Each structure stands twice: as C-alpha cells, then as structure tokens.
Amino acid sequence: MIVFPNCKINLGLNIISKRDNGYHNIESVLFPVKLYDALEILQGNRQGAQLTVTGIPAGNTADNLCVKAYNLLKKHYPQLPGINMHLHKAIPSGAGLGGGSADAVSVLQLLDSRFSLGISQKKMQEYALDLGSDCPFFLINKPCLASGRGEVLEPLTLSLQGYKILLIHPAIHIPTATAFKQITPSIPEIKIKQAITQPIETWKGRLVNDFEKIIFTGYPEIKKIKNNLYDQGAVYASMTGSGSTVYGIFKNDLPLNFPSKHGYFYKLFDTA
C-alpha cells in the first residue's frame, strides 16, 4: 500500500502561554500544501518495523516518527505483524512543514486499514497526539484554526484559490524543541482568527509568526528570504512553524525571479 502524505504551512503562529507540563498554548491556522512524501508499507518477515528512506535526508532512522507510530500501535495491538516501510522524502525535515508528522499519521492510517485494527476516530486522534502536537491536523488535512497545544482544531472555510505559494527552505535545520525554549509567550494584539478573515492584502503586519523574532536574530539569512519575497511582489510572506522554511503567497500573474542558491529548496504551488 502506498500513500502520499502532504505538508502544511502556518498562517500566523502565536505562542500564548506555557503550561505547567512544559507544553505551550498556541493559536495558528494550519493550511495543507501540495508537497508530498511517498510512503509504502508491506508485511515483513521480521518482528518490528524495518524502515528504509530515500530522497531528502531525514535524520536517524531509529528516531523516525514512522517507526514510533508503528511501535505505539504495537503496544495496543500486539497482533500487529512486522512490517517493511519505505519512505521517500520530498518534504524537508526540520523545516516547519510538518512532514514527519504527516508521515507518522499516514502510518497509523495505513496500519489500521491494512490489518483491520478497527481504530475509532477518537482513539486515532489520541494516538496522533501522542506522536506530536501537530499530528491530529493531518487526520483532517483541511484548513483549520489550531489552539491548545495545536490539537484543538476548528475547520475553516478558507480558500487561497487564485494565488500561488512559493516555498523556500534554506539549508538550515531548526529543532522545534530548541525554538520553543527561546520563545517568550505573550497575548497577541490581533487574534489570528480575526486577522485571517480579512482580505489577504491586510495580513502583512497583522498575521504574525512569533518565532520570527528569535529565529531571524539567530539566522538573518531567513529574514532576508522573507524580505526578498516581498520585494518580488508577494502579497503575504512568513516563516512557517518554527522554521526554517519561508513562504510567499503571490497572485498568479506576477513574475517570479529568484536566483538559485546551493543547498536551497524551492517549490511553487498552485492553490486552485
């Protein structure tokens, strides 16, 4: 069985407060984007999950969220046989795009379907949250207002039809946990739910990613990318998640002229 997990971008990201357990309360709009990994799962002849990875490097295989997703289900469904997984990465890791989370959720869904586990929707949401705060979003995979840790999801009627999204990922890996350690929570002047309902031309300066304050200081090259997107005519530009990917939203009729740079990843998407 083969599936194609997609990534997401954050339209605004406010870190509102820190909980006693170390997690943070956030608000953000999560928006699915048409950049896909490829994941294949076959029943194996050995115990456990055997994972091979091609494409963009994805770090240590033993720490891969796909393996963690299998091990999580194995605890609750001991009848689950050993499997062979192959993951072809096209979504950069440590990029704020949620590619690893999307892959992990796809493992949960594939194993449930392939081996008739009968997992309820509620249980699937619980398992997804165990793997990561943004994992439950990929069960819905439609524009959502996220709050709480990111698991409280309110589907939105939000369309970017008629625009294009350009993703630029520099050769910089930013661990999410490290970024959160540096953030200072605060109550936003403009709530994301209020800003997102306004015309896209008004988002600049109103729809804010709080991580930009600290990430741009440590990595000024990322700030330059955002500024360049606006210079090239983006209607709105922002870093997604805790970085390091930056995206620009453009009208279809605007020319795009970005010089190629070694180690950078560029991808343009039609939102229609």
C-alpha atoms as a PDB file:
ATOM      1  CA  MET A   1       0.000   0.000   0.000  1.00  0.00           C
ATOM      2  CA  ILE A   2       1.365   3.400  -0.986  1.00  0.00           C
ATOM      3  CA  VAL A   3       0.179   6.822   0.175  1.00  0.00           C
ATOM      4  CA  PHE A   4       1.445  10.343  -0.350  1.00  0.00           C
ATOM      5  CA  PRO A   5       1.493  12.435   2.866  1.00  0.00           C
ATOM      6  CA  ASN A   6       1.401  16.189   2.265  1.00  0.00           C
ATOM      7  CA  CYS A   7       2.863  19.037   4.322  1.00  0.00           C
ATOM      8  CA  LYS A   8       1.347  22.205   5.825  1.00  0.00           C
ATOM      9  CA  ILE A   9       2.152  25.837   6.404  1.00  0.00           C
ATOM     10  CA  ASN A  10       1.207  28.044   9.338  1.00  0.00           C
ATOM     11  CA  LEU A  11      -0.771  31.181   8.534  1.00  0.00           C
ATOM     12  CA  GLY A  12       0.215  33.077  11.651  1.00  0.00           C
ATOM     13  CA  LEU A  13       1.527  31.427  14.821  1.00  0.00           C
ATOM     14  CA  ASN A  14       1.104  32.941  18.288  1.00  0.00           C
ATOM     15  CA  ILE A  15       2.652  31.360  21.386  1.00  0.00           C
ATOM     16  CA  ILE A  16       0.210  32.469  24.065  1.00  0.00           C
ATOM     17  CA  SER A  17       1.301  30.795  27.309  1.00  0.00           C
ATOM     18  CA  LYS A  18       3.335  27.957  28.794  1.00  0.00           C
ATOM     19  CA  ARG A  19       1.685  25.135  30.678  1.00  0.00           C
ATOM     20  CA  ASP A  20       2.983  23.592  33.897  1.00  0.00           C
ATOM     21  CA  ASN A  21       3.790  20.392  31.985  1.00  0.00           C
ATOM     22  CA  GLY A  22       6.153  22.233  29.641  1.00  0.00           C
ATOM     23  CA  TYR A  23       3.849  22.398  26.628  1.00  0.00           C
ATOM     24  CA  HIS A  24       2.705  25.725  25.180  1.00  0.00           C
ATOM     25  CA  ASN A  25      -0.734  27.043  24.278  1.00  0.00           C
ATOM     26  CA  ILE A  26      -0.753  28.345  20.730  1.00  0.00           C
ATOM     27  CA  GLU A  27      -3.050  29.665  18.061  1.00  0.00           C
ATOM     28  CA  SER A  28      -2.401  29.225  14.369  1.00  0.00           C
ATOM     29  CA  VAL A  29      -4.113  28.446  11.096  1.00  0.00           C
ATOM     30  CA  LEU A  30      -2.794  25.237   9.566  1.00  0.00           C
ATOM     31  CA  PHE A  31      -3.117  25.080   5.796  1.00  0.00           C
ATOM     32  CA  PRO A  32      -2.348  21.940   3.719  1.00  0.00           C
ATOM     33  CA  VAL A  33       0.108  22.326   0.839  1.00  0.00           C
ATOM     34  CA  LYS A  34       0.632  20.069  -2.184  1.00  0.00           C
ATOM     35  CA  LEU A  35       4.154  18.893  -1.450  1.00  0.00           C
ATOM     36  CA  TYR A  36       4.221  15.138  -0.853  1.00  0.00           C
ATOM     37  CA  ASP A  37       6.369  12.380   0.579  1.00  0.00           C
ATOM     38  CA  ALA A  38       5.727   8.798  -0.570  1.00  0.00           C
ATOM     39  CA  LEU A  39       5.182   6.018   1.964  1.00  0.00           C
ATOM     40  CA  GLU A  40       4.869   2.282   1.254  1.00  0.00           C
ATOM     41  CA  ILE A  41       4.079  -0.384   3.857  1.00  0.00           C
ATOM     42  CA  LEU A  42       4.328  -4.142   3.282  1.00  0.00           C
ATOM     43  CA  GLN A  43       4.030  -7.025   5.713  1.00  0.00           C
ATOM     44  CA  GLY A  44       7.506  -8.186   6.668  1.00  0.00           C
ATOM     45  CA  ASN A  45       9.196 -11.431   7.668  1.00  0.00           C
ATOM     46  CA  ARG A  46      10.828  -9.968  10.788  1.00  0.00           C
ATOM     47  CA  GLN A  47       9.490  -8.547  14.018  1.00  0.00           C
ATOM     48  CA  GLY A  48       9.052  -4.812  14.355  1.00  0.00           C
ATOM     49  CA  ALA A  49       9.234  -2.075  11.731  1.00  0.00           C
ATOM     50  CA  GLN A  50      12.043  -2.066   9.175  1.00  0.00           C
ATOM     51  CA  LEU A  51      12.390   1.366   7.580  1.00  0.00           C
ATOM     52  CA  THR A  52      14.340   2.500   4.543  1.00  0.00           C
ATOM     53  CA  VAL A  53      14.488   6.139   3.477  1.00  0.00           C
ATOM     54  CA  THR A  54      15.408   7.761   0.170  1.00  0.00           C
ATOM     55  CA  GLY A  55      15.239  11.310  -1.134  1.00  0.00           C
ATOM     56  CA  ILE A  56      15.984  14.235   1.180  1.00  0.00           C
ATOM     57  CA  PRO A  57      17.939  13.090   4.287  1.00  0.00           C
ATOM     58  CA  ALA A  58      15.609  12.564   7.258  1.00  0.00           C
ATOM     59  CA  GLY A  59      17.981  12.050  10.181  1.00  0.00           C
ATOM     60  CA  ASN A  60      18.377   8.933  12.324  1.00  0.00           C
ATOM     61  CA  THR A  61      16.080   6.101  11.187  1.00  0.00           C
ATOM     62  CA  ALA A  62      15.624   4.846  14.766  1.00  0.00           C
ATOM     63  CA  ASP A  63      14.149   8.234  15.751  1.00  0.00           C
ATOM     64  CA  ASN A  64      11.866   8.462  12.737  1.00  0.00           C
ATOM     65  CA  LEU A  65       8.234   9.191  13.616  1.00  0.00           C
ATOM     66  CA  CYS A  66       7.091   6.429  11.256  1.00  0.00           C
ATOM     67  CA  VAL A  67       8.837   3.838  13.434  1.00  0.00           C
ATOM     68  CA  LYS A  68       7.448   5.494  16.569  1.00  0.00           C
ATOM     69  CA  ALA A  69       3.942   5.315  15.078  1.00  0.00           C
ATOM     70  CA  TYR A  70       4.322   1.584  14.473  1.00  0.00           C
ATOM     71  CA  ASN A  71       5.689   0.981  17.980  1.00  0.00           C
ATOM     72  CA  LEU A  72       2.817   2.966  19.504  1.00  0.00           C
ATOM     73  CA  LEU A  73       0.200   0.815  17.795  1.00  0.00           C
ATOM     74  CA  LYS A  74       2.115  -2.391  18.545  1.00  0.00           C
ATOM     75  CA  LYS A  75       1.705  -1.673  22.281  1.00  0.00           C
ATOM     76  CA  HIS A  76      -2.072  -1.544  21.914  1.00  0.00           C
ATOM     77  CA  TYR A  77      -2.463  -4.143  19.158  1.00  0.00           C
ATOM     78  CA  PRO A  78       0.084  -6.906  19.893  1.00  0.00           C
ATOM     79  CA  GLN A  79      -1.246  -8.913  16.950  1.00  0.00           C
ATOM     80  CA  LEU A  80       0.290  -6.356  14.600  1.00  0.00           C
ATOM     81  CA  PRO A  81       2.852  -8.201  12.452  1.00  0.00           C
ATOM     82  CA  GLY A  82       6.282  -6.962  11.481  1.00  0.00           C
ATOM     83  CA  ILE A  83       6.348  -4.583   8.533  1.00  0.00           C
ATOM     84  CA  ASN A  84       8.689  -3.165   5.935  1.00  0.00           C
ATOM     85  CA  MET A  85       8.310   0.565   5.327  1.00  0.00           C
ATOM     86  CA  HIS A  86       9.876   2.631   2.594  1.00  0.00           C
ATOM     87  CA  LEU A  87       9.721   6.409   2.866  1.00  0.00           C
ATOM     88  CA  HIS A  88      10.747   8.678   0.023  1.00  0.00           C
ATOM     89  CA  LYS A  89      11.274  12.178   1.423  1.00  0.00           C
ATOM     90  CA  ALA A  90      10.436  15.208  -0.694  1.00  0.00           C
ATOM     91  CA  ILE A  91       9.403  17.391   2.265  1.00  0.00           C
ATOM     92  CA  PRO A  92      12.470  18.873   4.014  1.00  0.00           C
ATOM     93  CA  SER A  93      12.956  17.920   7.668  1.00  0.00           C
ATOM     94  CA  GLY A  94      13.331  20.473  10.466  1.00  0.00           C
ATOM     95  CA  ALA A  95      11.628  22.941   8.165  1.00  0.00           C
ATOM     96  CA  GLY A  96       8.369  23.851   9.919  1.00  0.00           C
ATOM     97  CA  LEU A  97       6.345  21.977   7.286  1.00  0.00           C
ATOM     98  CA  GLY A  98       5.162  19.066   9.432  1.00  0.00           C
ATOM     99  CA  GLY A  99       6.407  16.421   7.026  1.00  0.00           C
ATOM    100  CA  GLY A 100       7.418  13.973   9.739  1.00  0.00           C
ATOM    101  CA  SER A 101       4.049  14.378  11.455  1.00  0.00           C
ATOM    102  CA  ALA A 102       2.199  13.781   8.199  1.00  0.00           C
ATOM    103  CA  ASP A 103       4.240  10.625   7.574  1.00  0.00           C
ATOM    104  CA  ALA A 104       3.532   9.301  11.079  1.00  0.00           C
ATOM    105  CA  VAL A 105      -0.217   9.843  10.754  1.00  0.00           C
ATOM    106  CA  SER A 106      -0.171   8.044   7.418  1.00  0.00           C
ATOM    107  CA  VAL A 107       1.482   5.068   9.151  1.00  0.00           C
ATOM    108  CA  LEU A 108      -1.331   4.985  11.723  1.00  0.00           C
ATOM    109  CA  GLN A 109      -3.968   5.100   8.997  1.00  0.00           C
ATOM    110  CA  LEU A 110      -2.271   2.532   6.759  1.00  0.00           C
ATOM    111  CA  LEU A 111      -1.757   0.029   9.567  1.00  0.00           C
ATOM    112  CA  ASP A 112      -5.365   0.450  10.699  1.00  0.00           C
ATOM    113  CA  SER A 113      -6.617  -0.190   7.169  1.00  0.00           C
ATOM    114  CA  ARG A 114      -4.143  -2.904   6.126  1.00  0.00           C
ATOM    115  CA  PHE A 115      -4.507  -5.014   9.262  1.00  0.00           C
ATOM    116  CA  SER A 116      -8.170  -4.254  10.117  1.00  0.00           C
ATOM    117  CA  LEU A 117      -7.416  -2.861  13.573  1.00  0.00           C
ATOM    118  CA  GLY A 118     -10.764  -1.061  13.831  1.00  0.00           C
ATOM    119  CA  ILE A 119      -9.355   2.055  15.489  1.00  0.00           C
ATOM    120  CA  SER A 120     -12.056   4.564  16.399  1.00  0.00           C
ATOM    121  CA  GLN A 121     -11.782   8.185  15.362  1.00  0.00           C
ATOM    122  CA  LYS A 122     -11.310   9.231  18.990  1.00  0.00           C
ATOM    123  CA  LYS A 123      -8.536   6.706  19.553  1.00  0.00           C
ATOM    124  CA  MET A 124      -6.842   7.698  16.307  1.00  0.00           C
ATOM    125  CA  GLN A 125      -6.791  11.311  17.485  1.00  0.00           C
ATOM    126  CA  GLU A 126      -5.270  10.229  20.809  1.00  0.00           C
ATOM    127  CA  TYR A 127      -2.562   8.189  19.087  1.00  0.00           C
ATOM    128  CA  ALA A 128      -1.789  11.050  16.732  1.00  0.00           C
ATOM    129  CA  LEU A 129      -1.424  13.488  19.630  1.00  0.00           C
ATOM    130  CA  ASP A 130       0.927  11.062  21.391  1.00  0.00           C
ATOM    131  CA  LEU A 131       3.233  11.393  18.387  1.00  0.00           C
ATOM    132  CA  GLY A 132       3.197  15.191  18.117  1.00  0.00           C
ATOM    133  CA  SER A 133       1.099  18.278  18.702  1.00  0.00           C
ATOM    134  CA  ASP A 134       0.500  18.920  15.002  1.00  0.00           C
ATOM    135  CA  CYS A 135      -0.209  15.289  14.106  1.00  0.00           C
ATOM    136  CA  PRO A 136      -4.003  15.454  14.709  1.00  0.00           C
ATOM    137  CA  PHE A 137      -4.248  18.113  11.984  1.00  0.00           C
ATOM    138  CA  PHE A 138      -3.230  15.596   9.336  1.00  0.00           C
ATOM    139  CA  LEU A 139      -6.228  13.431  10.207  1.00  0.00           C
ATOM    140  CA  ILE A 140      -8.410  16.323   8.988  1.00  0.00           C
ATOM    141  CA  ASN A 141      -5.978  17.753   6.413  1.00  0.00           C
ATOM    142  CA  LYS A 142      -8.095  20.808   5.666  1.00  0.00           C
ATOM    143  CA  PRO A 143      -7.594  24.448   6.736  1.00  0.00           C
ATOM    144  CA  CYS A 144      -8.069  24.615  10.499  1.00  0.00           C
ATOM    145  CA  LEU A 145      -7.685  27.067  13.345  1.00  0.00           C
ATOM    146  CA  ALA A 146      -5.456  25.263  15.850  1.00  0.00           C
ATOM    147  CA  SER A 147      -5.380  26.067  19.554  1.00  0.00           C
ATOM    148  CA  GLY A 148      -4.380  24.349  22.795  1.00  0.00           C
ATOM    149  CA  ARG A 149      -1.137  22.506  22.029  1.00  0.00           C
ATOM    150  CA  GLY A 150      -2.268  22.533  18.419  1.00  0.00           C
ATOM    151  CA  GLU A 151      -4.634  19.586  18.811  1.00  0.00           C
ATOM    152  CA  VAL A 152      -7.847  21.649  19.257  1.00  0.00           C
ATOM    153  CA  LEU A 153      -8.892  22.066  15.655  1.00  0.00           C
ATOM    154  CA  GLU A 154     -11.669  24.177  14.172  1.00  0.00           C
ATOM    155  CA  PRO A 155     -12.132  23.613  10.413  1.00  0.00           C
ATOM    156  CA  LEU A 156     -12.279  26.866   8.461  1.00  0.00           C
ATOM    157  CA  THR A 157     -13.784  27.896   5.163  1.00  0.00           C
ATOM    158  CA  LEU A 158     -10.565  29.371   3.838  1.00  0.00           C
ATOM    159  CA  SER A 159      -9.507  29.368   0.206  1.00  0.00           C
ATOM    160  CA  LEU A 160      -6.395  30.727  -1.464  1.00  0.00           C
ATOM    161  CA  GLN A 161      -7.726  29.955  -4.922  1.00  0.00           C
ATOM    162  CA  GLY A 162      -6.235  32.310  -7.479  1.00  0.00           C
ATOM    163  CA  TYR A 163      -2.899  32.525  -5.662  1.00  0.00           C
ATOM    164  CA  LYS A 164       0.369  30.617  -5.812  1.00  0.00           C
ATOM    165  CA  ILE A 165       2.520  29.607  -2.846  1.00  0.00           C
ATOM    166  CA  LEU A 166       6.303  29.613  -3.142  1.00  0.00           C
ATOM    167  CA  LEU A 167       8.228  27.632  -0.507  1.00  0.00           C
ATOM    168  CA  ILE A 168      11.891  28.380   0.111  1.00  0.00           C
ATOM    169  CA  HIS A 169      13.809  26.195   2.527  1.00  0.00           C
ATOM    170  CA  PRO A 170      17.417  27.213   3.174  1.00  0.00           C
ATOM    171  CA  ALA A 171      19.995  24.639   4.236  1.00  0.00           C
ATOM    172  CA  ILE A 172      19.174  25.254   7.912  1.00  0.00           C
ATOM    173  CA  HIS A 173      17.667  22.704  10.321  1.00  0.00           C
ATOM    174  CA  ILE A 174      15.874  24.184  13.340  1.00  0.00           C
ATOM    175  CA  PRO A 175      14.700  21.695  16.017  1.00  0.00           C
ATOM    176  CA  THR A 176      11.238  22.656  17.257  1.00  0.00           C
ATOM    177  CA  ALA A 177      12.109  21.973  20.911  1.00  0.00           C
ATOM    178  CA  THR A 178      15.085  24.334  20.723  1.00  0.00           C
ATOM    179  CA  ALA A 179      12.939  27.103  19.249  1.00  0.00           C
ATOM    180  CA  PHE A 180      10.302  26.724  21.974  1.00  0.00           C
ATOM    181  CA  LYS A 181      12.954  27.026  24.706  1.00  0.00           C
ATOM    182  CA  GLN A 182      13.808  30.506  23.423  1.00  0.00           C
ATOM    183  CA  ILE A 183      10.273  31.822  22.960  1.00  0.00           C
ATOM    184  CA  THR A 184       8.588  34.250  25.362  1.00  0.00           C
ATOM    185  CA  PRO A 185       4.810  33.668  25.336  1.00  0.00           C
ATOM    186  CA  SER A 186       2.535  36.695  25.040  1.00  0.00           C
ATOM    187  CA  ILE A 187      -1.062  37.608  24.275  1.00  0.00           C
ATOM    188  CA  PRO A 188      -1.298  38.859  20.663  1.00  0.00           C
ATOM    189  CA  GLU A 189      -2.720  42.284  19.907  1.00  0.00           C
ATOM    190  CA  ILE A 190      -4.675  40.800  16.991  1.00  0.00           C
ATOM    191  CA  LYS A 191      -6.051  37.279  17.254  1.00  0.00           C
ATOM    192  CA  ILE A 192      -5.331  35.051  14.289  1.00  0.00           C
ATOM    193  CA  LYS A 193      -8.990  34.150  13.841  1.00  0.00           C
ATOM    194  CA  GLN A 194      -9.741  37.857  13.452  1.00  0.00           C
ATOM    195  CA  ALA A 195      -6.841  38.557  11.067  1.00  0.00           C
ATOM    196  CA  ILE A 196      -7.437  35.530   8.835  1.00  0.00           C
ATOM    197  CA  THR A 197     -10.984  36.620   7.978  1.00  0.00           C
ATOM    198  CA  GLN A 198      -9.719  39.865   6.454  1.00  0.00           C
ATOM    199  CA  PRO A 199      -8.529  40.202   2.828  1.00  0.00           C
ATOM    200  CA  ILE A 200      -5.094  38.708   2.245  1.00  0.00           C
ATOM    201  CA  GLU A 201      -3.755  42.144   1.327  1.00  0.00           C
ATOM    202  CA  THR A 202      -4.212  43.137   5.006  1.00  0.00           C
ATOM    203  CA  TRP A 203      -2.316  40.170   6.505  1.00  0.00           C
ATOM    204  CA  LYS A 204       1.142  41.754   6.391  1.00  0.00           C
ATOM    205  CA  GLY A 205       1.936  43.050   9.878  1.00  0.00           C
ATOM    206  CA  ARG A 206      -1.284  41.610  11.303  1.00  0.00           C
ATOM    207  CA  LEU A 207      -0.854  37.855  10.796  1.00  0.00           C
ATOM    208  CA  VAL A 208       2.365  37.204  12.734  1.00  0.00           C
ATOM    209  CA  ASN A 209       4.586  34.208  13.485  1.00  0.00           C
ATOM    210  CA  ASP A 210       6.054  34.760  16.961  1.00  0.00           C
ATOM    211  CA  PHE A 211       9.036  32.513  16.208  1.00  0.00           C
ATOM    212  CA  GLU A 212      10.328  35.002  13.643  1.00  0.00           C
ATOM    213  CA  LYS A 213      11.567  37.324  16.415  1.00  0.00           C
ATOM    214  CA  ILE A 214      14.075  34.783  17.721  1.00  0.00           C
ATOM    215  CA  ILE A 215      14.834  32.816  14.553  1.00  0.00           C
ATOM    216  CA  PHE A 216      15.603  35.915  12.468  1.00  0.00           C
ATOM    217  CA  THR A 217      18.068  37.066  15.134  1.00  0.00           C
ATOM    218  CA  GLY A 218      19.984  33.802  15.074  1.00  0.00           C
ATOM    219  CA  TYR A 219      19.607  33.211  11.334  1.00  0.00           C
ATOM    220  CA  PRO A 220      19.487  36.554   9.472  1.00  0.00           C
ATOM    221  CA  GLU A 221      19.575  34.700   6.150  1.00  0.00           C
ATOM    222  CA  ILE A 222      15.998  33.535   6.820  1.00  0.00           C
ATOM    223  CA  LYS A 223      14.865  37.128   7.348  1.00  0.00           C
ATOM    224  CA  LYS A 224      16.494  38.052   4.030  1.00  0.00           C
ATOM    225  CA  ILE A 225      14.428  35.387   2.280  1.00  0.00           C
ATOM    226  CA  LYS A 226      11.201  36.831   3.671  1.00  0.00           C
ATOM    227  CA  ASN A 227      12.185  40.357   2.639  1.00  0.00           C
ATOM    228  CA  ASN A 228      13.102  39.105  -0.831  1.00  0.00           C
ATOM    229  CA  LEU A 229       9.681  37.528  -1.219  1.00  0.00           C
ATOM    230  CA  TYR A 230       8.046  40.881  -0.540  1.00  0.00           C
ATOM    231  CA  ASP A 231      10.500  42.579  -2.898  1.00  0.00           C
ATOM    232  CA  GLN A 232       9.447  40.108  -5.595  1.00  0.00           C
ATOM    233  CA  GLY A 233       5.775  41.018  -5.134  1.00  0.00           C
ATOM    234  CA  ALA A 234       4.411  38.605  -2.540  1.00  0.00           C
ATOM    235  CA  VAL A 235       1.025  39.629  -1.177  1.00  0.00           C
ATOM    236  CA  TYR A 236       1.950  37.930   2.091  1.00  0.00           C
ATOM    237  CA  ALA A 237       5.124  36.205   3.305  1.00  0.00           C
ATOM    238  CA  SER A 238       6.010  34.428   6.529  1.00  0.00           C
ATOM    239  CA  MET A 239       8.134  31.768   8.116  1.00  0.00           C
ATOM    240  CA  THR A 240       6.157  28.600   8.774  1.00  0.00           C
ATOM    241  CA  GLY A 241       6.204  26.864  12.141  1.00  0.00           C
ATOM    242  CA  SER A 242       9.500  27.295  13.960  1.00  0.00           C
ATOM    243  CA  GLY A 243      11.313  27.500  10.632  1.00  0.00           C
ATOM    244  CA  SER A 244      13.349  27.435   8.619  1.00  0.00           C
ATOM    245  CA  THR A 245      11.023  27.374   5.587  1.00  0.00           C
ATOM    246  CA  VAL A 246       9.641  30.713   4.421  1.00  0.00           C
ATOM    247  CA  TYR A 247       6.714  31.004   2.034  1.00  0.00           C
ATOM    248  CA  GLY A 248       5.312  33.756  -0.135  1.00  0.00           C
ATOM    249  CA  ILE A 249       1.777  33.991  -1.467  1.00  0.00           C
ATOM    250  CA  PHE A 250       1.600  35.519  -4.952  1.00  0.00           C
ATOM    251  CA  LYS A 251      -1.058  36.436  -7.442  1.00  0.00           C
ATOM    252  CA  ASN A 252      -0.968  34.192 -10.486  1.00  0.00           C
ATOM    253  CA  ASP A 253       0.000  36.941 -12.914  1.00  0.00           C
ATOM    254  CA  LEU A 254       3.117  38.086 -11.032  1.00  0.00           C
ATOM    255  CA  PRO A 255       6.505  37.037 -12.471  1.00  0.00           C
ATOM    256  CA  LEU A 256       8.825  35.207 -10.073  1.00  0.00           C
ATOM    257  CA  ASN A 257      12.567  35.724 -10.329  1.00  0.00           C
ATOM    258  CA  PHE A 258      14.556  34.003  -7.594  1.00  0.00           C
ATOM    259  CA  PRO A 259      18.220  33.216  -8.128  1.00  0.00           C
ATOM    260  CA  SER A 260      19.129  29.606  -7.457  1.00  0.00           C
ATOM    261  CA  LYS A 261      21.305  29.125  -4.388  1.00  0.00           C
ATOM    262  CA  HIS A 262      23.245  25.997  -3.477  1.00  0.00           C
ATOM    263  CA  GLY A 263      21.529  23.956  -0.785  1.00  0.00           C
ATOM    264  CA  TYR A 264      18.229  25.813  -1.066  1.00  0.00           C
ATOM    265  CA  PHE A 265      14.927  24.104  -1.811  1.00  0.00           C
ATOM    266  CA  TYR A 266      12.404  25.980  -3.980  1.00  0.00           C
ATOM    267  CA  LYS A 267       8.870  24.812  -4.794  1.00  0.00           C
ATOM    268  CA  LEU A 268       5.964  26.721  -6.332  1.00  0.00           C
ATOM    269  CA  PHE A 269       2.379  25.524  -5.874  1.00  0.00           C
ATOM    270  CA  ASP A 270      -0.904  26.409  -7.459  1.00  0.00           C
ATOM    271  CA  THR A 271      -3.593  26.661  -4.747  1.00  0.00           C
ATOM    272  CA  ALA A 272      -6.532  26.140  -7.113  1.00  0.00           C
END
